[in-house]
């Protein structure tokens, strides 16, 4: 409760009375960012519900806080055709940002499928956690069309969309859809896939269109390492409103990487956030006992072994975070990501390259020694994400971080990250990262019941997809 109470204080401080929306972050001196996103709005909602369930605030207080925010969200400008929210708003005025408040740099108004996915998740949660606000949440959610991002040619969601009518002339902003799709399964955008399937806006077969790993052939030799695995065919009943149901057979390459004797389905960059954030709201390990139920614990174990054994930092927990002393950067375990030079665990960007079999141009490099890892950056939210799978190791790691570094603020909880070789701390609280901590603690204290607020909404459509799949993950 110590961690939860302090973390809630920081979340609450980022949504002062004079603001319409919660800020993206708060610095050590109490100053707030002048920008925010749909994900930050979502993070506040589920944090308030978590604070209520943990007994930190009363049910009436939680309902009041969330009602105030829902009222503001309902009044925000959003894309008319899709009902999707823009990626950046001013937290005080609620206006869509076209210039960064401090630098004056151009902001291109953008619709993000994953950020809107998190907001939709929080709205689904509200419908069940606070029944008196269910209609308020539903009024917002019913206009959000995730099928807007769906590309039927490849069966995937696009990363997002720049509305042409919202880009200022001469700004240099792009228009239209992004050139990339979210095609990797074990990354955080799968939350938008779950929501879109549950809302009947994309076909269920979409779930099996995403890559577990890329193929083994040399044509895909740019990925982190050569995967192992096998092809498996799944039959999925596809049904959308106003369309007849049909059975779709999809052959999936059930691939994995091998890291320290563990067969793991990798994420994109190798971070804890990518792999485990959706599990805060969807009981993936329960619904998919032969897939996520095997992979999630191994992913956590791999992060632990990297921090304590391979790099010998003495600490673990690697995920995108504020970079000490300031800035923001992706961190992770490179070998756990499909991107060849993915998210390193240290500020010095120490990468590993296992090569790609006999493929030309991908000879293996010597594996770095522990002495090559000099500047590891650990973020507490990544540690909390592992609570379900390694609680003892989590609390031991957090205790060491608190004892060895000035990373804990008695009033507001953990600062965002620490560089463990020199003790440099990023003295900032990020709304999203604090929100992940709140959700992880609420799940831990409730035995996972906290997730049911979302799970009950999506279970009929999503659970059968997870139940039928068998990953090739496991221990050698």
Foldseek 3Di string as FASTA:
>chain_A
DLQLLQQLLQLVLQQDPQWQAGAQWAFLVSDGAQKAFLLLRLLSLLSLLLCCLVPNDDPVVSVVVNVSNLVSVVPADDDQVALFRWGMAGGRPNHRDQARPPPRAGDQTKGFLLSSLSNLLSLLLCVQSPVVCNVSSCVSNVRHAQLVQADVVQLFGFGIARDPVRGDPPNPDDGGTDPDTQQAQQFSSCSSVLVCLLVLRGWLCSNQSHALADAQDLVLQQWAERKDFAKDKDWGFTDHPPDDIDIDIDIYTQIFAADPQWTARAAAFAALNTRQLVCLQAVLCVLQVQHNVAHVLVSVVRQVCCPCPQLNLVAGFAAWWADFQGDTDGAHPRNRHGRNQGHHQFPVSDHFQCFRPPRPPTHGDDGDHSVVHQWGKHFLLRLLSCCVNCVVSSVVRVVCPVVPEVQADSNNGGAGIAGRNVRGGHRMGGSSSSSSNSSSVSCNVVVNVSSVSSCVSRVVRPSVVSHVDHRPIDGD
